[in-house]
Each structure stands twice: as structure tokens, then as C-alpha cells.
Amino acid sequence: CSAATAASMLPAVSVIPVMADASKVVSIGNDLTDAQKKTMMRYFGIENDKSVQQITVTNKDEISHLSSYIPLEQIGTRTVSCAYIKPTESGGIRVRTANLQYVTANMIASILADLGIKNCEVVYDCPFQVSGTGALTGIIMAYETATGETIDQAKKDIATQEVIVTKDLAKDIGNVQAEYVINQAKVEAVQNNISDKQEIQNTVTN
């Protein structure tokens, strides 16, 4: 597993409040077998936890959320990755991943920050190596279920586009450097309260 906390330090322009009664939610890929689903619940440590809400993410959900930005061949035709999210009142965004090839822990943390989320614990996994797009869809659906809040569609679109930009950049300089460049540009733009389009472009170019 890899852990990511750095992105939780990104300043959020607007924040979705985490209420004390926000619930824990697990999203399960629809195309896993019953045995694989049980394995995932054991891995998350919630097999017998009746307080955890469970939602199912289908390939149709993935296509609906991601097809405008991620190639269909990357999304695939089956949804098998899973995500467990526990909203917290402090501690920032903490992410652990396993068996995900396309999305990384840092990318997930950064995306959650883009959505205005400040504090939560997230675990992404699958019984075998997958891209992780199902979990990416699931975490957004799970957070909305956990908090009872609907995340603004524009924020979802921007967060998804960030994944594409980061992965494209990573082809040339690697995941770690790509994630650093993207995060640093966002930090500078927000901390300096940059709103002019050309100034933002200059920040990104630098």
C-alpha cells in the first residue's frame, strides 16, 4: 500500500463540511464475485460492521462519470475496484491504495481536495491489478452518500480532468514529478489568490 497526505494540505476554495453524523461508506465493484466482495470487506476491516453503508458501482456509473475525459478502453467493460471512505473531523485527507495501476494515492488525495473535502480516510483496493477508475467513481459516490451532500458537477469535472492532465504529464516525467507539478501550481494559484486567466497560465508554465 502507499499512503498520501501531502495533498490534504492544499487550500480549498470552498469546503464541504463533515458532520458528526456522517457515515462510513464502502463502494463495491459490481462485477466482483461474491467471494471477492467478502474478501474486500475483510480487507477494509468492516466485514461485520453494520454501521457501514454499502453502495454498488457499475460500469454504467463509470462511463457516466468518466467517459468524457478517460478513454473507454481505460475504463473497460467491468467494474471491480472498491473504495472505503470514512469522513473525519480532523487529520486531513489520508489515502491508502493497493492493486491500482492508473490512479495513485496522491492523485486521489489531490482530487478530493479539489472537491472541497478537507478530512477523511480512504482505502482503495481490488483483489487483483486494475486501473482503479471504478474506485475513482466510487469514492465520489461514496462521499456524497456518507455526507448527504451533492458535490457540484463542475468540481467533479475539473477533478476528473486533473487526473487526465496528471497522467499525460507523467508519461514524460513520471508520476511523482507530475503530481508535484500539478499540486505546486494549484498551491501557488490559491495561496496568491490568482484569478486572472493569464496569471494562472503563467503560474502553470513556470
N, C-alpha and C. Protein backbone atom coordinates (compact mmCIF):
# COMPACT_ATOMS: atom_id res chain seq x y z
N CYS A 1 0.84 -1.20 0.00
CA CYS A 1 0.00 0.00 0.00
C CYS A 1 0.87 1.25 0.00
N SER A 2 0.36 2.30 -0.56
CA SER A 2 1.06 3.57 -0.49
C SER A 2 0.15 4.57 0.19
N ALA A 3 0.73 5.50 0.91
CA ALA A 3 -0.07 6.48 1.66
C ALA A 3 0.19 7.87 1.14
N ALA A 4 -0.84 8.71 1.12
CA ALA A 4 -0.69 10.09 0.65
C ALA A 4 -1.37 11.03 1.61
N THR A 5 -0.63 12.01 2.12
CA THR A 5 -1.22 13.02 2.98
C THR A 5 -0.89 14.42 2.50
N ALA A 6 0.11 14.57 1.63
CA ALA A 6 0.58 15.89 1.22
C ALA A 6 -0.51 16.71 0.56
N ALA A 7 -1.33 16.08 -0.27
CA ALA A 7 -2.34 16.83 -1.00
C ALA A 7 -3.41 17.39 -0.08
N SER A 8 -3.55 16.83 1.12
CA SER A 8 -4.57 17.34 2.03
C SER A 8 -4.22 18.72 2.54
N MET A 9 -2.97 19.16 2.31
CA MET A 9 -2.55 20.48 2.75
C MET A 9 -2.92 21.56 1.75
N LEU A 10 -3.43 21.15 0.59
CA LEU A 10 -3.85 22.14 -0.41
C LEU A 10 -5.01 22.95 0.14
N PRO A 11 -4.96 24.28 0.02
CA PRO A 11 -6.07 25.09 0.49
C PRO A 11 -7.27 24.90 -0.42
N ALA A 12 -8.44 24.68 0.15
CA ALA A 12 -9.65 24.50 -0.64
C ALA A 12 -10.41 25.82 -0.69
N VAL A 13 -10.89 26.16 -1.89
CA VAL A 13 -11.62 27.41 -2.06
C VAL A 13 -12.94 27.35 -1.30
N SER A 14 -13.62 26.22 -1.39
CA SER A 14 -14.83 26.02 -0.61
C SER A 14 -14.78 24.62 -0.02
N VAL A 15 -15.42 24.44 1.11
CA VAL A 15 -15.28 23.20 1.84
C VAL A 15 -16.64 22.58 2.10
N ILE A 16 -16.74 21.28 1.86
CA ILE A 16 -17.95 20.55 2.21
C ILE A 16 -17.81 20.15 3.68
N PRO A 17 -18.66 20.62 4.57
CA PRO A 17 -18.49 20.30 5.98
C PRO A 17 -18.72 18.83 6.25
N VAL A 18 -17.91 18.26 7.13
CA VAL A 18 -18.12 16.88 7.55
C VAL A 18 -18.89 16.90 8.86
N MET A 19 -20.10 16.43 8.82
CA MET A 19 -20.94 16.47 10.01
C MET A 19 -20.59 15.31 10.94
N ALA A 20 -20.90 15.49 12.20
CA ALA A 20 -20.57 14.47 13.19
C ALA A 20 -21.27 13.15 12.90
N ASP A 21 -22.45 13.23 12.25
CA ASP A 21 -23.20 12.02 11.98
C ASP A 21 -22.94 11.47 10.57
N ALA A 22 -21.91 12.00 9.89
CA ALA A 22 -21.55 11.47 8.57
C ALA A 22 -21.19 10.01 8.73
N SER A 23 -21.63 9.19 7.79
CA SER A 23 -21.45 7.75 7.94
C SER A 23 -20.32 7.21 7.09
N LYS A 24 -19.84 6.03 7.48
CA LYS A 24 -18.82 5.33 6.72
C LYS A 24 -19.50 4.62 5.56
N VAL A 25 -18.84 4.65 4.40
CA VAL A 25 -19.43 4.06 3.20
C VAL A 25 -18.38 3.26 2.45
N VAL A 26 -18.78 2.11 1.92
CA VAL A 26 -17.90 1.33 1.07
C VAL A 26 -18.56 1.18 -0.30
N SER A 27 -17.78 1.41 -1.36
CA SER A 27 -18.29 1.19 -2.72
C SER A 27 -17.66 -0.09 -3.24
N ILE A 28 -18.49 -0.95 -3.79
CA ILE A 28 -18.04 -2.27 -4.26
C ILE A 28 -18.27 -2.37 -5.77
N GLY A 29 -17.24 -2.82 -6.49
CA GLY A 29 -17.38 -3.03 -7.92
C GLY A 29 -18.41 -4.11 -8.23
N ASN A 30 -19.34 -3.79 -9.09
CA ASN A 30 -20.47 -4.68 -9.37
C ASN A 30 -20.06 -6.03 -9.94
N ASP A 31 -18.92 -6.08 -10.64
CA ASP A 31 -18.55 -7.30 -11.35
C ASP A 31 -17.63 -8.23 -10.57
N LEU A 32 -17.42 -7.94 -9.29
CA LEU A 32 -16.70 -8.88 -8.44
C LEU A 32 -17.60 -10.06 -8.10
N THR A 33 -17.01 -11.21 -7.84
CA THR A 33 -17.79 -12.35 -7.38
C THR A 33 -18.15 -12.14 -5.91
N ASP A 34 -19.09 -12.90 -5.41
CA ASP A 34 -19.48 -12.79 -4.01
C ASP A 34 -18.28 -13.04 -3.10
N ALA A 35 -17.45 -14.02 -3.46
CA ALA A 35 -16.28 -14.33 -2.65
C ALA A 35 -15.29 -13.17 -2.65
N GLN A 36 -15.11 -12.53 -3.79
CA GLN A 36 -14.20 -11.39 -3.88
C GLN A 36 -14.73 -10.19 -3.09
N LYS A 37 -16.04 -9.99 -3.12
CA LYS A 37 -16.64 -8.91 -2.35
C LYS A 37 -16.40 -9.12 -0.85
N LYS A 38 -16.53 -10.36 -0.40
CA LYS A 38 -16.28 -10.66 1.01
C LYS A 38 -14.82 -10.44 1.36
N THR A 39 -13.93 -10.77 0.43
CA THR A 39 -12.50 -10.53 0.64
C THR A 39 -12.22 -9.05 0.82
N MET A 40 -12.86 -8.23 0.02
CA MET A 40 -12.67 -6.78 0.12
C MET A 40 -13.19 -6.25 1.46
N MET A 41 -14.33 -6.74 1.89
CA MET A 41 -14.89 -6.29 3.17
C MET A 41 -13.96 -6.67 4.32
N ARG A 42 -13.34 -7.86 4.24
CA ARG A 42 -12.38 -8.26 5.27
C ARG A 42 -11.14 -7.38 5.21
N TYR A 43 -10.69 -7.06 4.00
CA TYR A 43 -9.50 -6.21 3.85
C TYR A 43 -9.74 -4.82 4.45
N PHE A 44 -10.93 -4.28 4.25
CA PHE A 44 -11.27 -2.97 4.80
C PHE A 44 -11.52 -3.04 6.31
N GLY A 45 -11.66 -4.26 6.83
CA GLY A 45 -11.90 -4.42 8.27
C GLY A 45 -13.32 -4.10 8.67
N ILE A 46 -14.28 -4.27 7.75
CA ILE A 46 -15.66 -3.87 8.04
C ILE A 46 -16.65 -5.00 7.74
N GLU A 47 -16.15 -6.23 7.71
CA GLU A 47 -16.99 -7.36 7.30
C GLU A 47 -18.26 -7.47 8.15
N ASN A 48 -18.14 -7.22 9.44
CA ASN A 48 -19.30 -7.36 10.34
C ASN A 48 -19.75 -6.02 10.92
N ASP A 49 -19.32 -4.94 10.29
CA ASP A 49 -19.67 -3.61 10.77
C ASP A 49 -20.98 -3.15 10.13
N LYS A 50 -22.05 -3.22 10.90
CA LYS A 50 -23.37 -2.88 10.38
C LYS A 50 -23.56 -1.38 10.18
N SER A 51 -22.63 -0.58 10.72
CA SER A 51 -22.77 0.88 10.59
C SER A 51 -22.28 1.39 9.24
N VAL A 52 -21.63 0.54 8.46
CA VAL A 52 -21.09 0.95 7.16
C VAL A 52 -22.13 0.78 6.07
N GLN A 53 -22.43 1.88 5.38
CA GLN A 53 -23.34 1.80 4.23
C GLN A 53 -22.58 1.20 3.04
N GLN A 54 -23.26 0.40 2.26
CA GLN A 54 -22.63 -0.21 1.08
C GLN A 54 -23.35 0.23 -0.18
N ILE A 55 -22.57 0.69 -1.17
CA ILE A 55 -23.15 1.03 -2.46
C ILE A 55 -22.42 0.24 -3.54
N THR A 56 -23.09 0.01 -4.64
CA THR A 56 -22.52 -0.75 -5.75
C THR A 56 -22.24 0.20 -6.90
N VAL A 57 -21.03 0.08 -7.48
CA VAL A 57 -20.65 0.90 -8.63
C VAL A 57 -20.62 0.02 -9.86
N THR A 58 -21.36 0.41 -10.87
CA THR A 58 -21.45 -0.38 -12.10
C THR A 58 -20.60 0.25 -13.20
N ASN A 59 -20.41 -0.49 -14.26
CA ASN A 59 -19.67 0.04 -15.41
C ASN A 59 -20.43 1.21 -16.02
N LYS A 60 -21.76 1.16 -15.95
CA LYS A 60 -22.57 2.28 -16.44
C LYS A 60 -22.27 3.54 -15.63
N ASP A 61 -22.08 3.40 -14.31
CA ASP A 61 -21.72 4.54 -13.47
C ASP A 61 -20.38 5.11 -13.90
N GLU A 62 -19.41 4.23 -14.14
CA GLU A 62 -18.08 4.67 -14.57
C GLU A 62 -18.15 5.47 -15.86
N ILE A 63 -18.86 4.92 -16.83
CA ILE A 63 -18.98 5.58 -18.14
C ILE A 63 -19.66 6.93 -17.98
N SER A 64 -20.70 6.98 -17.15
CA SER A 64 -21.42 8.23 -16.93
C SER A 64 -20.52 9.29 -16.31
N HIS A 65 -19.67 8.90 -15.36
CA HIS A 65 -18.84 9.86 -14.64
C HIS A 65 -17.56 10.21 -15.39
N LEU A 66 -17.00 9.26 -16.16
CA LEU A 66 -15.64 9.44 -16.64
C LEU A 66 -15.44 9.46 -18.15
N SER A 67 -16.41 8.99 -18.92
CA SER A 67 -16.18 8.78 -20.35
C SER A 67 -15.87 10.06 -21.13
N SER A 68 -16.26 11.21 -20.59
CA SER A 68 -15.95 12.47 -21.28
C SER A 68 -14.47 12.82 -21.19
N TYR A 69 -13.76 12.16 -20.25
CA TYR A 69 -12.36 12.52 -20.01
C TYR A 69 -11.39 11.35 -20.11
N ILE A 70 -11.85 10.16 -19.81
CA ILE A 70 -10.98 8.98 -19.83
C ILE A 70 -11.42 8.06 -20.96
N PRO A 71 -10.48 7.58 -21.80
CA PRO A 71 -10.84 6.70 -22.92
C PRO A 71 -11.60 5.47 -22.43
N LEU A 72 -12.57 5.03 -23.24
CA LEU A 72 -13.37 3.87 -22.86
C LEU A 72 -12.53 2.62 -22.66
N GLU A 73 -11.44 2.51 -23.44
CA GLU A 73 -10.58 1.34 -23.27
C GLU A 73 -9.89 1.33 -21.91
N GLN A 74 -9.69 2.52 -21.33
CA GLN A 74 -9.10 2.61 -19.99
C GLN A 74 -10.15 2.27 -18.93
N ILE A 75 -11.39 2.68 -19.18
CA ILE A 75 -12.47 2.36 -18.25
C ILE A 75 -12.81 0.88 -18.29
N GLY A 76 -12.79 0.31 -19.50
CA GLY A 76 -13.09 -1.11 -19.64
C GLY A 76 -14.58 -1.39 -19.62
N THR A 77 -14.92 -2.66 -19.48
CA THR A 77 -16.32 -3.08 -19.52
C THR A 77 -16.79 -3.70 -18.22
N ARG A 78 -15.89 -3.83 -17.24
CA ARG A 78 -16.23 -4.40 -15.94
C ARG A 78 -15.77 -3.46 -14.84
N THR A 79 -16.54 -3.40 -13.76
CA THR A 79 -16.18 -2.57 -12.63
C THR A 79 -15.87 -3.47 -11.44
N VAL A 80 -14.61 -3.46 -11.00
CA VAL A 80 -14.18 -4.39 -9.95
C VAL A 80 -13.45 -3.72 -8.79
N SER A 81 -12.96 -2.49 -8.95
CA SER A 81 -12.23 -1.86 -7.86
C SER A 81 -13.19 -1.32 -6.81
N CYS A 82 -12.69 -1.19 -5.59
CA CYS A 82 -13.53 -0.83 -4.45
C CYS A 82 -12.91 0.32 -3.66
N ALA A 83 -13.72 1.01 -2.90
CA ALA A 83 -13.23 2.12 -2.08
C ALA A 83 -14.02 2.19 -0.78
N TYR A 84 -13.28 2.44 0.29
CA TYR A 84 -13.90 2.61 1.60
C TYR A 84 -13.57 4.01 2.10
N ILE A 85 -14.56 4.76 2.49
CA ILE A 85 -14.33 6.14 2.93
C ILE A 85 -14.96 6.37 4.30
N LYS A 86 -14.19 7.00 5.16
CA LYS A 86 -14.68 7.35 6.50
C LYS A 86 -14.44 8.84 6.72
N PRO A 87 -15.48 9.66 6.66
CA PRO A 87 -15.32 11.09 6.93
C PRO A 87 -14.83 11.31 8.36
N THR A 88 -13.92 12.25 8.54
CA THR A 88 -13.40 12.58 9.86
C THR A 88 -13.50 14.08 10.08
N GLU A 89 -13.33 14.51 11.31
CA GLU A 89 -13.45 15.93 11.63
C GLU A 89 -12.10 16.63 11.67
N SER A 90 -11.02 15.87 11.55
CA SER A 90 -9.67 16.45 11.55
C SER A 90 -8.71 15.44 10.93
N GLY A 91 -7.44 15.85 10.81
CA GLY A 91 -6.43 14.91 10.32
C GLY A 91 -6.11 14.99 8.85
N GLY A 92 -6.85 15.82 8.10
CA GLY A 92 -6.58 15.94 6.67
C GLY A 92 -7.11 14.75 5.88
N ILE A 93 -6.62 14.63 4.66
CA ILE A 93 -7.03 13.54 3.77
C ILE A 93 -5.97 12.46 3.79
N ARG A 94 -6.36 11.27 4.20
CA ARG A 94 -5.42 10.15 4.27
C ARG A 94 -5.88 9.05 3.32
N VAL A 95 -4.98 8.62 2.43
CA VAL A 95 -5.34 7.67 1.38
C VAL A 95 -4.37 6.50 1.36
N ARG A 96 -4.90 5.30 1.26
CA ARG A 96 -4.10 4.10 1.03
C ARG A 96 -4.64 3.38 -0.19
N THR A 97 -3.75 2.87 -1.03
CA THR A 97 -4.19 2.14 -2.22
C THR A 97 -3.43 0.83 -2.37
N ALA A 98 -4.04 -0.09 -3.08
CA ALA A 98 -3.38 -1.35 -3.44
C ALA A 98 -3.97 -1.85 -4.75
N ASN A 99 -3.11 -2.37 -5.61
CA ASN A 99 -3.52 -3.00 -6.88
C ASN A 99 -4.18 -2.05 -7.87
N LEU A 100 -3.89 -0.75 -7.77
CA LEU A 100 -4.41 0.21 -8.73
C LEU A 100 -3.27 0.68 -9.64
N GLN A 101 -3.48 0.60 -10.96
CA GLN A 101 -2.42 0.91 -11.92
C GLN A 101 -2.53 2.32 -12.50
N TYR A 102 -3.72 2.84 -12.62
CA TYR A 102 -3.92 4.12 -13.32
C TYR A 102 -3.90 5.29 -12.35
N VAL A 103 -4.68 5.20 -11.29
CA VAL A 103 -4.73 6.28 -10.31
C VAL A 103 -3.78 5.96 -9.15
N THR A 104 -3.23 7.01 -8.54
CA THR A 104 -2.32 6.85 -7.41
C THR A 104 -2.92 7.47 -6.16
N ALA A 105 -2.34 7.17 -5.01
CA ALA A 105 -2.84 7.71 -3.75
C ALA A 105 -2.78 9.23 -3.73
N ASN A 106 -1.66 9.80 -4.22
CA ASN A 106 -1.52 11.25 -4.25
C ASN A 106 -2.55 11.90 -5.16
N MET A 107 -2.81 11.28 -6.31
CA MET A 107 -3.81 11.82 -7.22
C MET A 107 -5.19 11.83 -6.57
N ILE A 108 -5.51 10.76 -5.86
CA ILE A 108 -6.80 10.66 -5.20
C ILE A 108 -6.95 11.73 -4.13
N ALA A 109 -5.90 11.91 -3.32
CA ALA A 109 -5.95 12.93 -2.27
C ALA A 109 -6.12 14.32 -2.87
N SER A 110 -5.40 14.58 -3.96
CA SER A 110 -5.49 15.87 -4.61
C SER A 110 -6.88 16.11 -5.18
N ILE A 111 -7.46 15.09 -5.78
CA ILE A 111 -8.81 15.19 -6.34
C ILE A 111 -9.83 15.48 -5.25
N LEU A 112 -9.71 14.77 -4.12
CA LEU A 112 -10.63 15.01 -3.02
C LEU A 112 -10.53 16.44 -2.51
N ALA A 113 -9.29 16.97 -2.47
CA ALA A 113 -9.10 18.36 -2.07
C ALA A 113 -9.77 19.30 -3.06
N ASP A 114 -9.66 18.98 -4.36
CA ASP A 114 -10.32 19.79 -5.39
C ASP A 114 -11.83 19.85 -5.18
N LEU A 115 -12.39 18.75 -4.70
CA LEU A 115 -13.83 18.67 -4.49
C LEU A 115 -14.27 19.45 -3.25
N GLY A 116 -13.30 19.98 -2.51
CA GLY A 116 -13.63 20.74 -1.32
C GLY A 116 -13.64 19.92 -0.05
N ILE A 117 -13.13 18.69 -0.14
CA ILE A 117 -13.11 17.80 1.02
C ILE A 117 -11.83 18.05 1.82
N LYS A 118 -11.95 18.20 3.12
CA LYS A 118 -10.80 18.52 3.95
C LYS A 118 -10.30 17.34 4.77
N ASN A 119 -11.22 16.56 5.32
CA ASN A 119 -10.84 15.49 6.24
C ASN A 119 -11.57 14.19 5.91
N CYS A 120 -10.81 13.13 5.70
CA CYS A 120 -11.40 11.82 5.52
C CYS A 120 -10.30 10.77 5.44
N GLU A 121 -10.66 9.53 5.69
CA GLU A 121 -9.77 8.40 5.49
C GLU A 121 -10.32 7.57 4.34
N VAL A 122 -9.44 7.21 3.41
CA VAL A 122 -9.87 6.48 2.22
C VAL A 122 -8.95 5.28 1.99
N VAL A 123 -9.54 4.15 1.66
CA VAL A 123 -8.78 2.97 1.26
C VAL A 123 -9.33 2.49 -0.08
N TYR A 124 -8.45 2.34 -1.07
CA TYR A 124 -8.82 1.83 -2.40
C TYR A 124 -8.15 0.48 -2.59
N ASP A 125 -8.87 -0.47 -3.17
CA ASP A 125 -8.24 -1.76 -3.41
C ASP A 125 -9.07 -2.57 -4.39
N CYS A 126 -8.46 -3.64 -4.87
CA CYS A 126 -9.11 -4.63 -5.72
C CYS A 126 -8.39 -5.95 -5.46
N PRO A 127 -9.04 -7.09 -5.64
CA PRO A 127 -8.37 -8.36 -5.41
C PRO A 127 -7.22 -8.63 -6.39
N PHE A 128 -7.16 -7.84 -7.49
CA PHE A 128 -6.12 -8.03 -8.49
C PHE A 128 -5.82 -6.68 -9.14
N GLN A 129 -4.77 -6.62 -9.98
CA GLN A 129 -4.36 -5.36 -10.59
C GLN A 129 -5.41 -4.82 -11.56
N VAL A 130 -5.80 -3.55 -11.34
CA VAL A 130 -6.77 -2.89 -12.22
C VAL A 130 -6.39 -1.42 -12.37
N SER A 131 -7.08 -0.72 -13.25
CA SER A 131 -6.79 0.70 -13.45
C SER A 131 -7.19 1.53 -12.24
N GLY A 132 -8.32 1.19 -11.63
CA GLY A 132 -8.80 1.94 -10.48
C GLY A 132 -9.85 2.98 -10.81
N THR A 133 -10.30 3.02 -12.07
CA THR A 133 -11.31 4.01 -12.43
C THR A 133 -12.63 3.74 -11.72
N GLY A 134 -12.91 2.47 -11.43
CA GLY A 134 -14.13 2.13 -10.70
C GLY A 134 -14.11 2.71 -9.30
N ALA A 135 -12.93 2.62 -8.66
CA ALA A 135 -12.79 3.18 -7.31
C ALA A 135 -12.86 4.69 -7.35
N LEU A 136 -12.33 5.28 -8.44
CA LEU A 136 -12.37 6.73 -8.58
C LEU A 136 -13.82 7.21 -8.64
N THR A 137 -14.64 6.50 -9.40
CA THR A 137 -16.06 6.82 -9.46
C THR A 137 -16.72 6.55 -8.11
N GLY A 138 -16.36 5.42 -7.51
CA GLY A 138 -16.97 5.01 -6.25
C GLY A 138 -16.72 5.97 -5.12
N ILE A 139 -15.53 6.58 -5.08
CA ILE A 139 -15.22 7.45 -3.95
C ILE A 139 -16.07 8.71 -3.98
N ILE A 140 -16.36 9.21 -5.18
CA ILE A 140 -17.22 10.39 -5.29
C ILE A 140 -18.64 10.02 -4.86
N MET A 141 -19.13 8.89 -5.35
CA MET A 141 -20.47 8.44 -4.98
C MET A 141 -20.54 8.14 -3.49
N ALA A 142 -19.48 7.55 -2.95
CA ALA A 142 -19.47 7.18 -1.53
C ALA A 142 -19.44 8.41 -0.65
N TYR A 143 -18.67 9.42 -1.03
CA TYR A 143 -18.60 10.62 -0.20
C TYR A 143 -19.96 11.33 -0.15
N GLU A 144 -20.62 11.40 -1.30
CA GLU A 144 -21.94 12.02 -1.33
C GLU A 144 -22.92 11.25 -0.46
N THR A 145 -22.81 9.92 -0.49
CA THR A 145 -23.68 9.10 0.35
C THR A 145 -23.37 9.30 1.82
N ALA A 146 -22.07 9.37 2.15
CA ALA A 146 -21.65 9.49 3.54
C ALA A 146 -22.08 10.80 4.17
N THR A 147 -22.01 11.88 3.40
CA THR A 147 -22.29 13.21 3.96
C THR A 147 -23.70 13.71 3.67
N GLY A 148 -24.37 13.09 2.71
CA GLY A 148 -25.68 13.57 2.31
C GLY A 148 -25.61 14.84 1.47
N GLU A 149 -24.39 15.19 1.04
CA GLU A 149 -24.18 16.39 0.23
C GLU A 149 -23.95 15.99 -1.24
N THR A 150 -24.43 16.82 -2.16
CA THR A 150 -24.18 16.60 -3.58
C THR A 150 -23.04 17.52 -4.01
N ILE A 151 -21.96 16.92 -4.51
CA ILE A 151 -20.81 17.70 -4.95
C ILE A 151 -21.14 18.37 -6.28
N ASP A 152 -20.80 19.64 -6.40
CA ASP A 152 -21.07 20.40 -7.61
C ASP A 152 -20.48 19.71 -8.84
N GLN A 153 -21.26 19.61 -9.91
CA GLN A 153 -20.82 18.89 -11.10
C GLN A 153 -19.57 19.51 -11.72
N ALA A 154 -19.46 20.83 -11.68
CA ALA A 154 -18.27 21.48 -12.23
C ALA A 154 -17.02 21.05 -11.50
N LYS A 155 -17.11 20.89 -10.18
CA LYS A 155 -15.97 20.42 -9.40
C LYS A 155 -15.61 18.99 -9.78
N LYS A 156 -16.63 18.14 -9.98
CA LYS A 156 -16.37 16.77 -10.38
C LYS A 156 -15.64 16.74 -11.73
N ASP A 157 -16.10 17.58 -12.67
CA ASP A 157 -15.49 17.62 -14.00
C ASP A 157 -14.03 18.06 -13.92
N ILE A 158 -13.76 19.10 -13.13
CA ILE A 158 -12.40 19.61 -13.01
C ILE A 158 -11.49 18.58 -12.37
N ALA A 159 -12.00 17.93 -11.33
CA ALA A 159 -11.21 16.90 -10.63
C ALA A 159 -10.87 15.75 -11.57
N THR A 160 -11.83 15.34 -12.39
CA THR A 160 -11.58 14.26 -13.33
C THR A 160 -10.59 14.68 -14.40
N GLN A 161 -10.72 15.91 -14.89
CA GLN A 161 -9.77 16.41 -15.89
C GLN A 161 -8.35 16.45 -15.32
N GLU A 162 -8.24 16.74 -14.02
CA GLU A 162 -6.91 16.78 -13.40
C GLU A 162 -6.23 15.41 -13.49
N VAL A 163 -7.00 14.34 -13.34
CA VAL A 163 -6.44 13.00 -13.47
C VAL A 163 -5.80 12.82 -14.84
N ILE A 164 -6.52 13.25 -15.87
CA ILE A 164 -6.04 13.08 -17.25
C ILE A 164 -4.76 13.89 -17.46
N VAL A 165 -4.78 15.15 -17.03
CA VAL A 165 -3.61 16.02 -17.21
C VAL A 165 -2.40 15.44 -16.48
N THR A 166 -2.62 14.99 -15.26
CA THR A 166 -1.52 14.42 -14.47
C THR A 166 -0.95 13.18 -15.13
N LYS A 167 -1.83 12.30 -15.61
CA LYS A 167 -1.35 11.07 -16.25
C LYS A 167 -0.63 11.37 -17.57
N ASP A 168 -1.11 12.34 -18.33
CA ASP A 168 -0.43 12.72 -19.57
C ASP A 168 0.96 13.27 -19.28
N LEU A 169 1.05 14.11 -18.25
CA LEU A 169 2.34 14.68 -17.86
C LEU A 169 3.28 13.60 -17.34
N ALA A 170 2.71 12.63 -16.65
CA ALA A 170 3.51 11.55 -16.07
C ALA A 170 4.20 10.69 -17.14
N LYS A 171 3.65 10.68 -18.34
CA LYS A 171 4.27 9.91 -19.43
C LYS A 171 5.67 10.44 -19.73
N ASP A 172 5.88 11.74 -19.49
CA ASP A 172 7.17 12.37 -19.78
C ASP A 172 8.09 12.45 -18.56
N ILE A 173 7.51 12.68 -17.37
CA ILE A 173 8.36 12.93 -16.21
C ILE A 173 8.10 12.01 -15.02
N GLY A 174 7.17 11.07 -15.16
CA GLY A 174 6.88 10.14 -14.08
C GLY A 174 5.79 10.64 -13.14
N ASN A 175 5.14 9.70 -12.42
CA ASN A 175 4.02 10.05 -11.55
C ASN A 175 4.38 11.04 -10.45
N VAL A 176 5.51 10.79 -9.78
CA VAL A 176 5.87 11.62 -8.62
C VAL A 176 6.07 13.07 -9.03
N GLN A 177 6.85 13.30 -10.09
CA GLN A 177 7.10 14.66 -10.54
C GLN A 177 5.84 15.31 -11.10
N ALA A 178 5.03 14.54 -11.81
CA ALA A 178 3.79 15.08 -12.37
C ALA A 178 2.85 15.54 -11.26
N GLU A 179 2.70 14.72 -10.23
CA GLU A 179 1.84 15.07 -9.11
C GLU A 179 2.36 16.32 -8.41
N TYR A 180 3.69 16.43 -8.27
CA TYR A 180 4.29 17.59 -7.61
C TYR A 180 4.01 18.86 -8.42
N VAL A 181 4.21 18.80 -9.73
CA VAL A 181 4.00 19.98 -10.59
C VAL A 181 2.55 20.45 -10.50
N ILE A 182 1.61 19.52 -10.61
CA ILE A 182 0.18 19.87 -10.56
C ILE A 182 -0.17 20.49 -9.21
N ASN A 183 0.26 19.84 -8.13
CA ASN A 183 -0.07 20.35 -6.79
C ASN A 183 0.56 21.71 -6.53
N GLN A 184 1.81 21.88 -6.97
CA GLN A 184 2.50 23.14 -6.72
C GLN A 184 1.82 24.29 -7.46
N ALA A 185 1.39 24.03 -8.68
CA ALA A 185 0.69 25.07 -9.45
C ALA A 185 -0.60 25.48 -8.75
N LYS A 186 -1.32 24.48 -8.21
CA LYS A 186 -2.58 24.78 -7.52
C LYS A 186 -2.33 25.56 -6.23
N VAL A 187 -1.31 25.13 -5.49
CA VAL A 187 -0.99 25.81 -4.23
C VAL A 187 -0.65 27.28 -4.47
N GLU A 188 0.19 27.54 -5.46
CA GLU A 188 0.60 28.91 -5.75
C GLU A 188 -0.59 29.76 -6.21
N ALA A 189 -1.44 29.18 -7.05
CA ALA A 189 -2.59 29.93 -7.57
C ALA A 189 -3.56 30.30 -6.44
N VAL A 190 -3.80 29.34 -5.54
CA VAL A 190 -4.76 29.59 -4.47
C VAL A 190 -4.18 30.48 -3.39
N GLN A 191 -2.94 30.19 -2.97
CA GLN A 191 -2.33 30.99 -1.91
C GLN A 191 -2.13 32.44 -2.32
N ASN A 192 -1.85 32.68 -3.60
CA ASN A 192 -1.65 34.04 -4.09
C ASN A 192 -2.94 34.67 -4.61
N ASN A 193 -4.04 33.93 -4.44
CA ASN A 193 -5.37 34.43 -4.83
C ASN A 193 -5.39 34.88 -6.29
N ILE A 194 -4.81 34.08 -7.15
CA ILE A 194 -4.74 34.41 -8.58
C ILE A 194 -6.06 34.05 -9.25
N SER A 195 -6.66 35.01 -9.93
CA SER A 195 -7.92 34.75 -10.63
C SER A 195 -7.83 35.10 -12.11
N ASP A 196 -6.84 35.92 -12.49
CA ASP A 196 -6.68 36.29 -13.89
C ASP A 196 -6.19 35.08 -14.69
N LYS A 197 -6.84 34.83 -15.82
CA LYS A 197 -6.53 33.65 -16.62
C LYS A 197 -5.06 33.62 -17.06
N GLN A 198 -4.53 34.77 -17.51
CA GLN A 198 -3.15 34.81 -17.99
C GLN A 198 -2.16 34.57 -16.83
N GLU A 199 -2.47 35.11 -15.65
CA GLU A 199 -1.61 34.89 -14.49
C GLU A 199 -1.60 33.42 -14.09
N ILE A 200 -2.76 32.79 -14.18
CA ILE A 200 -2.83 31.36 -13.88
C ILE A 200 -1.99 30.58 -14.89
N GLN A 201 -2.11 30.96 -16.17
CA GLN A 201 -1.32 30.30 -17.22
C GLN A 201 0.18 30.46 -16.96
N ASN A 202 0.58 31.66 -16.53
CA ASN A 202 2.00 31.90 -16.23
C ASN A 202 2.47 31.03 -15.07
N THR A 203 1.61 30.88 -14.05
CA THR A 203 1.95 30.03 -12.91
C THR A 203 2.15 28.59 -13.34
N VAL A 204 1.22 28.10 -14.17
CA VAL A 204 1.31 26.73 -14.66
C VAL A 204 2.57 26.55 -15.49
N THR A 205 2.86 27.52 -16.38
CA THR A 205 4.04 27.42 -17.24
C THR A 205 5.32 27.40 -16.41
N ASN A 206 5.38 28.27 -15.41
CA ASN A 206 6.56 28.30 -14.54
C ASN A 206 6.75 27.00 -13.81
